[in-house]
Amino acid sequence: MMFRKICISTLSLILLLGLWFMQSKAYSYPTNDEDMDMSPVYVASSNESSDTSIAEAPAAEVEQAVTTYKVSQGDTLFKIAKSFEIAVDDLISANSISNPNQLTIGQSLTIPLVAVASASEGQPKIIKKVINTTLTAYTAGFESTGKKASHPTYGITYSGIKAKEGRTIAVDPAVIPLGSTVFIEGIGIRKAEDIGSAIRGSRIDVFMNDLGQAQEFGVKKNVKVYVLDRENV
């Protein structure tokens, strides 16, 4: 009789220990002060299906850069689209054009592109002309201008103001009028303030202070230059 009681007590103890062991495995709680900020982690398996899908974060919105082009004499939609390297259909769609054959000189067209976004400083620019140019660089020194520092007009542009790096360029006035503000791809905003005997057609000379940097700049061909409208500069 005593032996039966001992067996029953032993079995009960084993059963209780088993239940306690299973419960401790079902949940995991922080074991030290460093873990006190963590929520309990449920690790026990379940027969019930659970939704483990993670909601995808919304895609970042891409803001499309937009600029404005003023139609000049001789312009066509095909010519304008080609200048900005966009599709004619995109140009028509952006401007809700019903008759592609009817453009008016001075008409403003919305150009959807990214090229001039960094130059706009938050303000959309009105583009007057797009030119494929050849870029070189020059300085105020004798190597570029034939003038020494002692010359009374050393460093003075054809416009009569002192040349400044980051602003001054030399142009052919027949192509880009003096005083024009342009955006040069890969360089930024510059102003046509100077001319040069070797600057003819679509060639542009970018002013630099350092002769070494000007020489290192070399010759860059097929660079797009956007001539900006005066009223928006």
C-alpha atoms as a PDB file:
ATOM      1  CA  MET A   1       0.000   0.000   0.000  1.00  0.00           C
ATOM      2  CA  MET A   2       2.804   2.339   0.939  1.00  0.00           C
ATOM      3  CA  PHE A   3       4.632   1.398  -2.248  1.00  0.00           C
ATOM      4  CA  ARG A   4       1.550   2.351  -4.338  1.00  0.00           C
ATOM      5  CA  LYS A   5       1.388   5.777  -2.657  1.00  0.00           C
ATOM      6  CA  ILE A   6       5.078   6.371  -3.337  1.00  0.00           C
ATOM      7  CA  CYS A   7       4.590   5.464  -7.047  1.00  0.00           C
ATOM      8  CA  ILE A   8       1.570   7.730  -7.395  1.00  0.00           C
ATOM      9  CA  SER A   9       3.436  10.632  -5.742  1.00  0.00           C
ATOM     10  CA  THR A  10       6.449  10.080  -7.976  1.00  0.00           C
ATOM     11  CA  LEU A  11       4.294  10.013 -11.143  1.00  0.00           C
ATOM     12  CA  SER A  12       2.463  13.169 -10.038  1.00  0.00           C
ATOM     13  CA  LEU A  13       5.762  14.937  -9.435  1.00  0.00           C
ATOM     14  CA  ILE A  14       7.060  13.901 -12.867  1.00  0.00           C
ATOM     15  CA  LEU A  15       3.830  15.112 -14.509  1.00  0.00           C
ATOM     16  CA  LEU A  16       4.021  18.490 -12.750  1.00  0.00           C
ATOM     17  CA  LEU A  17       7.664  18.897 -13.748  1.00  0.00           C
ATOM     18  CA  GLY A  18       6.747  18.080 -17.353  1.00  0.00           C
ATOM     19  CA  LEU A  19       3.981  20.671 -17.434  1.00  0.00           C
ATOM     20  CA  TRP A  20       6.290  23.288 -15.911  1.00  0.00           C
ATOM     21  CA  PHE A  21       9.006  22.487 -18.482  1.00  0.00           C
ATOM     22  CA  MET A  22       6.578  22.853 -21.396  1.00  0.00           C
ATOM     23  CA  GLN A  23       5.317  26.188 -20.100  1.00  0.00           C
ATOM     24  CA  SER A  24       8.818  27.571 -19.727  1.00  0.00           C
ATOM     25  CA  LYS A  25       9.525  26.630 -23.361  1.00  0.00           C
ATOM     26  CA  ALA A  26       6.373  28.291 -24.660  1.00  0.00           C
ATOM     27  CA  TYR A  27       7.372  31.826 -23.685  1.00  0.00           C
ATOM     28  CA  SER A  28      10.683  33.637 -23.358  1.00  0.00           C
ATOM     29  CA  TYR A  29      11.038  36.611 -21.023  1.00  0.00           C
ATOM     30  CA  PRO A  30      13.913  39.010 -20.314  1.00  0.00           C
ATOM     31  CA  THR A  31      16.555  37.432 -18.143  1.00  0.00           C
ATOM     32  CA  ASN A  32      18.566  40.527 -17.219  1.00  0.00           C
ATOM     33  CA  ASP A  33      18.269  44.296 -16.906  1.00  0.00           C
ATOM     34  CA  GLU A  34      19.472  44.886 -20.483  1.00  0.00           C
ATOM     35  CA  ASP A  35      16.508  42.930 -21.852  1.00  0.00           C
ATOM     36  CA  MET A  36      13.833  44.655 -19.772  1.00  0.00           C
ATOM     37  CA  ASP A  37      12.848  46.929 -22.680  1.00  0.00           C
ATOM     38  CA  MET A  38      12.144  43.959 -24.934  1.00  0.00           C
ATOM     39  CA  SER A  39       8.660  42.489 -25.231  1.00  0.00           C
ATOM     40  CA  PRO A  40       8.194  38.737 -24.613  1.00  0.00           C
ATOM     41  CA  VAL A  41       8.797  36.690 -27.741  1.00  0.00           C
ATOM     42  CA  TYR A  42       6.281  33.962 -28.524  1.00  0.00           C
ATOM     43  CA  VAL A  43       8.065  30.853 -29.829  1.00  0.00           C
ATOM     44  CA  ALA A  44       5.574  28.038 -29.339  1.00  0.00           C
ATOM     45  CA  SER A  45       4.138  26.477 -32.466  1.00  0.00           C
ATOM     46  CA  SER A  46       0.430  26.668 -33.186  1.00  0.00           C
ATOM     47  CA  ASN A  47      -1.952  24.805 -35.433  1.00  0.00           C
ATOM     48  CA  GLU A  48      -3.785  28.031 -36.219  1.00  0.00           C
ATOM     49  CA  SER A  49      -2.615  29.868 -39.326  1.00  0.00           C
ATOM     50  CA  SER A  50      -1.137  33.283 -38.682  1.00  0.00           C
ATOM     51  CA  ASP A  51      -0.640  36.211 -41.031  1.00  0.00           C
ATOM     52  CA  THR A  52       3.106  36.759 -41.225  1.00  0.00           C
ATOM     53  CA  SER A  53       3.066  39.069 -44.232  1.00  0.00           C
ATOM     54  CA  ILE A  54       4.812  42.413 -43.809  1.00  0.00           C
ATOM     55  CA  ALA A  55       3.214  45.493 -45.281  1.00  0.00           C
ATOM     56  CA  GLU A  56       5.490  47.039 -47.883  1.00  0.00           C
ATOM     57  CA  ALA A  57       6.563  50.610 -47.297  1.00  0.00           C
ATOM     58  CA  PRO A  58       5.134  52.964 -49.885  1.00  0.00           C
ATOM     59  CA  ALA A  59       7.560  53.695 -52.704  1.00  0.00           C
ATOM     60  CA  ALA A  60       9.317  57.016 -52.468  1.00  0.00           C
ATOM     61  CA  GLU A  61       7.640  59.608 -54.590  1.00  0.00           C
ATOM     62  CA  VAL A  62       9.804  60.791 -57.460  1.00  0.00           C
ATOM     63  CA  GLU A  63       9.291  64.434 -58.178  1.00  0.00           C
ATOM     64  CA  GLN A  64       9.470  65.018 -61.917  1.00  0.00           C
ATOM     65  CA  ALA A  65      11.473  68.062 -62.849  1.00  0.00           C
ATOM     66  CA  VAL A  66       9.669  70.432 -65.168  1.00  0.00           C
ATOM     67  CA  THR A  67      11.007  73.410 -67.056  1.00  0.00           C
ATOM     68  CA  THR A  68       9.511  75.808 -69.590  1.00  0.00           C
ATOM     69  CA  TYR A  69      10.638  76.484 -73.157  1.00  0.00           C
ATOM     70  CA  LYS A  70       9.653  79.501 -75.234  1.00  0.00           C
ATOM     71  CA  VAL A  71       8.939  78.713 -78.873  1.00  0.00           C
ATOM     72  CA  SER A  72      11.194  80.533 -81.337  1.00  0.00           C
ATOM     73  CA  GLN A  73      10.872  81.068 -85.077  1.00  0.00           C
ATOM     74  CA  GLY A  74      11.497  77.848 -86.992  1.00  0.00           C
ATOM     75  CA  ASP A  75      10.746  75.593 -84.035  1.00  0.00           C
ATOM     76  CA  THR A  76       8.791  72.365 -84.463  1.00  0.00           C
ATOM     77  CA  LEU A  77       7.705  69.861 -81.835  1.00  0.00           C
ATOM     78  CA  PHE A  78      10.129  67.328 -83.297  1.00  0.00           C
ATOM     79  CA  LYS A  79      13.031  69.796 -83.122  1.00  0.00           C
ATOM     80  CA  ILE A  80      12.206  70.822 -79.540  1.00  0.00           C
ATOM     81  CA  ALA A  81      11.771  67.228 -78.377  1.00  0.00           C
ATOM     82  CA  LYS A  82      15.071  66.249 -79.990  1.00  0.00           C
ATOM     83  CA  SER A  83      16.878  69.153 -78.284  1.00  0.00           C
ATOM     84  CA  PHE A  84      15.700  68.000 -74.861  1.00  0.00           C
ATOM     85  CA  GLU A  85      16.060  64.286 -75.711  1.00  0.00           C
ATOM     86  CA  ILE A  86      12.432  63.492 -74.922  1.00  0.00           C
ATOM     87  CA  ALA A  87       9.699  61.821 -76.947  1.00  0.00           C
ATOM     88  CA  VAL A  88       7.423  63.996 -79.077  1.00  0.00           C
ATOM     89  CA  ASP A  89       4.412  62.187 -77.574  1.00  0.00           C
ATOM     90  CA  ASP A  90       5.570  63.146 -74.061  1.00  0.00           C
ATOM     91  CA  LEU A  91       5.884  66.781 -75.141  1.00  0.00           C
ATOM     92  CA  ILE A  92       2.392  66.722 -76.676  1.00  0.00           C
ATOM     93  CA  SER A  93       0.928  65.049 -73.586  1.00  0.00           C
ATOM     94  CA  ALA A  94       2.611  67.462 -71.149  1.00  0.00           C
ATOM     95  CA  ASN A  95       1.095  70.431 -72.986  1.00  0.00           C
ATOM     96  CA  SER A  96      -2.255  68.933 -74.049  1.00  0.00           C
ATOM     97  CA  ILE A  97      -1.521  69.904 -77.661  1.00  0.00           C
ATOM     98  CA  SER A  98      -4.418  69.087 -79.990  1.00  0.00           C
ATOM     99  CA  ASN A  99      -2.750  70.194 -83.232  1.00  0.00           C
ATOM    100  CA  PRO A 100       1.006  69.436 -83.312  1.00  0.00           C
ATOM    101  CA  ASN A 101       1.416  71.526 -86.484  1.00  0.00           C
ATOM    102  CA  GLN A 102       0.335  74.785 -84.860  1.00  0.00           C
ATOM    103  CA  LEU A 103       2.949  76.464 -82.682  1.00  0.00           C
ATOM    104  CA  THR A 104       3.073  80.177 -81.905  1.00  0.00           C
ATOM    105  CA  ILE A 105       6.295  82.175 -81.536  1.00  0.00           C
ATOM    106  CA  GLY A 106       6.621  83.054 -77.861  1.00  0.00           C
ATOM    107  CA  GLN A 107       4.370  80.172 -76.796  1.00  0.00           C
ATOM    108  CA  SER A 108       5.477  78.546 -73.529  1.00  0.00           C
ATOM    109  CA  LEU A 109       5.823  74.769 -73.544  1.00  0.00           C
ATOM    110  CA  THR A 110       6.226  72.620 -70.456  1.00  0.00           C
ATOM    111  CA  ILE A 111       9.227  70.311 -70.818  1.00  0.00           C
ATOM    112  CA  PRO A 112       9.227  67.267 -68.524  1.00  0.00           C
ATOM    113  CA  LEU A 113      12.876  66.517 -67.835  1.00  0.00           C
ATOM    114  CA  VAL A 114      15.481  66.225 -65.098  1.00  0.00           C
ATOM    115  CA  ALA A 115      18.427  67.869 -66.823  1.00  0.00           C
ATOM    116  CA  VAL A 116      18.008  71.396 -65.472  1.00  0.00           C
ATOM    117  CA  ALA A 117      16.593  70.535 -62.059  1.00  0.00           C
ATOM    118  CA  SER A 118      19.825  71.106 -60.154  1.00  0.00           C
ATOM    119  CA  ALA A 119      20.297  74.496 -61.730  1.00  0.00           C
ATOM    120  CA  SER A 120      16.911  75.869 -60.878  1.00  0.00           C
ATOM    121  CA  GLU A 121      17.456  76.285 -57.117  1.00  0.00           C
ATOM    122  CA  GLY A 122      13.817  75.490 -56.549  1.00  0.00           C
ATOM    123  CA  GLN A 123      12.659  77.887 -59.258  1.00  0.00           C
ATOM    124  CA  PRO A 124      11.704  76.575 -62.713  1.00  0.00           C
ATOM    125  CA  LYS A 125      13.627  78.319 -65.498  1.00  0.00           C
ATOM    126  CA  ILE A 126      12.258  79.322 -68.892  1.00  0.00           C
ATOM    127  CA  ILE A 127      14.584  77.968 -71.585  1.00  0.00           C
ATOM    128  CA  LYS A 128      15.048  80.045 -74.686  1.00  0.00           C
ATOM    129  CA  LYS A 129      17.456  77.885 -76.657  1.00  0.00           C
ATOM    130  CA  VAL A 130      19.310  74.555 -76.422  1.00  0.00           C
ATOM    131  CA  ILE A 131      22.780  74.267 -77.975  1.00  0.00           C
ATOM    132  CA  ASN A 132      25.261  71.427 -78.345  1.00  0.00           C
ATOM    133  CA  THR A 133      28.586  73.063 -77.572  1.00  0.00           C
ATOM    134  CA  THR A 134      32.313  72.481 -77.321  1.00  0.00           C
ATOM    135  CA  LEU A 135      33.784  73.674 -74.016  1.00  0.00           C
ATOM    136  CA  THR A 136      37.291  74.886 -73.273  1.00  0.00           C
ATOM    137  CA  ALA A 137      38.657  76.928 -70.379  1.00  0.00           C
ATOM    138  CA  TYR A 138      40.709  80.101 -70.104  1.00  0.00           C
ATOM    139  CA  THR A 139      42.258  82.409 -67.528  1.00  0.00           C
ATOM    140  CA  ALA A 140      43.040  86.111 -67.313  1.00  0.00           C
ATOM    141  CA  GLY A 141      46.709  85.316 -67.885  1.00  0.00           C
ATOM    142  CA  PHE A 142      48.990  85.918 -70.843  1.00  0.00           C
ATOM    143  CA  GLU A 143      48.502  82.360 -72.142  1.00  0.00           C
ATOM    144  CA  SER A 144      44.805  83.016 -72.753  1.00  0.00           C
ATOM    145  CA  THR A 145      44.448  86.742 -73.276  1.00  0.00           C
ATOM    146  CA  GLY A 146      47.930  87.957 -74.212  1.00  0.00           C
ATOM    147  CA  LYS A 147      47.798  90.375 -71.264  1.00  0.00           C
ATOM    148  CA  LYS A 148      50.119  90.533 -68.282  1.00  0.00           C
ATOM    149  CA  ALA A 149      49.035  91.434 -64.753  1.00  0.00           C
ATOM    150  CA  SER A 150      50.407  94.945 -65.279  1.00  0.00           C
ATOM    151  CA  HIS A 151      48.043  95.581 -68.181  1.00  0.00           C
ATOM    152  CA  PRO A 152      45.301  98.115 -67.312  1.00  0.00           C
ATOM    153  CA  THR A 153      42.534  95.809 -68.581  1.00  0.00           C
ATOM    154  CA  TYR A 154      43.971  92.589 -67.123  1.00  0.00           C
ATOM    155  CA  GLY A 155      41.098  90.344 -65.988  1.00  0.00           C
ATOM    156  CA  ILE A 156      38.471  92.658 -67.443  1.00  0.00           C
ATOM    157  CA  THR A 157      35.907  91.074 -69.755  1.00  0.00           C
ATOM    158  CA  TYR A 158      34.547  92.472 -73.017  1.00  0.00           C
ATOM    159  CA  SER A 159      31.459  93.501 -71.021  1.00  0.00           C
ATOM    160  CA  GLY A 160      33.665  95.767 -68.907  1.00  0.00           C
ATOM    161  CA  ILE A 161      33.396  93.839 -65.640  1.00  0.00           C
ATOM    162  CA  LYS A 162      36.011  91.735 -63.893  1.00  0.00           C
ATOM    163  CA  ALA A 163      35.964  88.054 -64.842  1.00  0.00           C
ATOM    164  CA  LYS A 164      34.920  85.744 -62.041  1.00  0.00           C
ATOM    165  CA  GLU A 165      35.328  81.991 -61.754  1.00  0.00           C
ATOM    166  CA  GLY A 166      31.984  80.259 -61.342  1.00  0.00           C
ATOM    167  CA  ARG A 167      30.212  83.000 -63.298  1.00  0.00           C
ATOM    168  CA  THR A 168      32.042  84.210 -66.417  1.00  0.00           C
ATOM    169  CA  ILE A 169      32.089  82.493 -69.800  1.00  0.00           C
ATOM    170  CA  ALA A 170      33.251  83.719 -73.207  1.00  0.00           C
ATOM    171  CA  VAL A 171      30.883  83.157 -76.114  1.00  0.00           C
ATOM    172  CA  ASP A 172      30.212  84.028 -79.720  1.00  0.00           C
ATOM    173  CA  PRO A 173      27.624  86.835 -79.402  1.00  0.00           C
ATOM    174  CA  ALA A 174      26.062  85.751 -82.686  1.00  0.00           C
ATOM    175  CA  VAL A 175      25.083  82.471 -81.029  1.00  0.00           C
ATOM    176  CA  ILE A 176      24.696  83.435 -77.361  1.00  0.00           C
ATOM    177  CA  PRO A 177      24.122  87.177 -76.795  1.00  0.00           C
ATOM    178  CA  LEU A 178      26.333  88.865 -74.208  1.00  0.00           C
ATOM    179  CA  GLY A 179      24.539  89.147 -70.884  1.00  0.00           C
ATOM    180  CA  SER A 180      22.744  85.836 -71.376  1.00  0.00           C
ATOM    181  CA  THR A 181      22.523  83.411 -68.472  1.00  0.00           C
ATOM    182  CA  VAL A 182      22.992  79.764 -69.378  1.00  0.00           C
ATOM    183  CA  PHE A 183      22.942  76.405 -67.701  1.00  0.00           C
ATOM    184  CA  ILE A 184      25.840  74.151 -68.769  1.00  0.00           C
ATOM    185  CA  GLU A 185      25.343  70.438 -68.140  1.00  0.00           C
ATOM    186  CA  GLY A 186      27.873  69.172 -65.626  1.00  0.00           C
ATOM    187  CA  ILE A 187      28.982  72.698 -64.696  1.00  0.00           C
ATOM    188  CA  GLY A 188      25.957  74.788 -63.743  1.00  0.00           C
ATOM    189  CA  ILE A 189      24.776  78.360 -64.181  1.00  0.00           C
ATOM    190  CA  ARG A 190      27.122  80.778 -65.975  1.00  0.00           C
ATOM    191  CA  LYS A 191      26.831  84.219 -67.579  1.00  0.00           C
ATOM    192  CA  ALA A 192      28.028  85.287 -71.032  1.00  0.00           C
ATOM    193  CA  GLU A 193      30.327  88.208 -70.238  1.00  0.00           C
ATOM    194  CA  ASP A 194      33.307  87.807 -72.539  1.00  0.00           C
ATOM    195  CA  ILE A 195      34.348  87.039 -76.107  1.00  0.00           C
ATOM    196  CA  GLY A 196      37.495  85.595 -77.653  1.00  0.00           C
ATOM    197  CA  SER A 197      39.198  85.465 -81.034  1.00  0.00           C
ATOM    198  CA  ALA A 198      39.016  81.659 -81.055  1.00  0.00           C
ATOM    199  CA  ILE A 199      35.451  81.511 -79.715  1.00  0.00           C
ATOM    200  CA  ARG A 200      33.277  81.058 -82.775  1.00  0.00           C
ATOM    201  CA  GLY A 201      29.952  79.332 -83.312  1.00  0.00           C
ATOM    202  CA  SER A 202      28.851  77.027 -80.523  1.00  0.00           C
ATOM    203  CA  ARG A 203      32.196  77.031 -78.722  1.00  0.00           C
ATOM    204  CA  ILE A 204      32.264  78.332 -75.136  1.00  0.00           C
ATOM    205  CA  ASP A 205      35.268  79.275 -72.983  1.00  0.00           C
ATOM    206  CA  VAL A 206      34.771  78.791 -69.229  1.00  0.00           C
ATOM    207  CA  PHE A 207      36.745  81.244 -67.058  1.00  0.00           C
ATOM    208  CA  MET A 208      39.009  79.832 -64.343  1.00  0.00           C
ATOM    209  CA  ASN A 209      41.511  81.448 -61.997  1.00  0.00           C
ATOM    210  CA  ASP A 210      44.129  78.711 -62.114  1.00  0.00           C
ATOM    211  CA  LEU A 211      46.045  78.013 -65.335  1.00  0.00           C
ATOM    212  CA  GLY A 212      46.711  74.401 -64.381  1.00  0.00           C
ATOM    213  CA  GLN A 213      43.009  73.718 -63.856  1.00  0.00           C
ATOM    214  CA  ALA A 214      42.157  75.411 -67.132  1.00  0.00           C
ATOM    215  CA  GLN A 215      44.661  73.246 -68.998  1.00  0.00           C
ATOM    216  CA  GLU A 216      43.432  70.124 -67.217  1.00  0.00           C
ATOM    217  CA  PHE A 217      39.856  70.988 -68.204  1.00  0.00           C
ATOM    218  CA  GLY A 218      40.831  70.320 -71.817  1.00  0.00           C
ATOM    219  CA  VAL A 219      38.216  70.148 -74.571  1.00  0.00           C
ATOM    220  CA  LYS A 220      34.744  68.789 -73.870  1.00  0.00           C
ATOM    221  CA  LYS A 221      32.556  68.143 -76.904  1.00  0.00           C
ATOM    222  CA  ASN A 222      28.801  67.748 -77.339  1.00  0.00           C
ATOM    223  CA  VAL A 223      27.877  69.428 -74.053  1.00  0.00           C
ATOM    224  CA  LYS A 224      24.285  70.665 -73.825  1.00  0.00           C
ATOM    225  CA  VAL A 225      23.866  74.308 -72.921  1.00  0.00           C
ATOM    226  CA  TYR A 226      20.465  75.805 -72.074  1.00  0.00           C
ATOM    227  CA  VAL A 227      20.107  79.533 -72.739  1.00  0.00           C
ATOM    228  CA  LEU A 228      17.686  80.863 -70.113  1.00  0.00           C
ATOM    229  CA  ASP A 229      15.094  83.532 -70.789  1.00  0.00           C
ATOM    230  CA  ARG A 230      15.960  86.921 -69.287  1.00  0.00           C
ATOM    231  CA  GLU A 231      12.616  87.419 -67.561  1.00  0.00           C
ATOM    232  CA  ASN A 232      13.137  84.343 -65.394  1.00  0.00           C
ATOM    233  CA  VAL A 233      16.815  84.811 -64.531  1.00  0.00           C
END
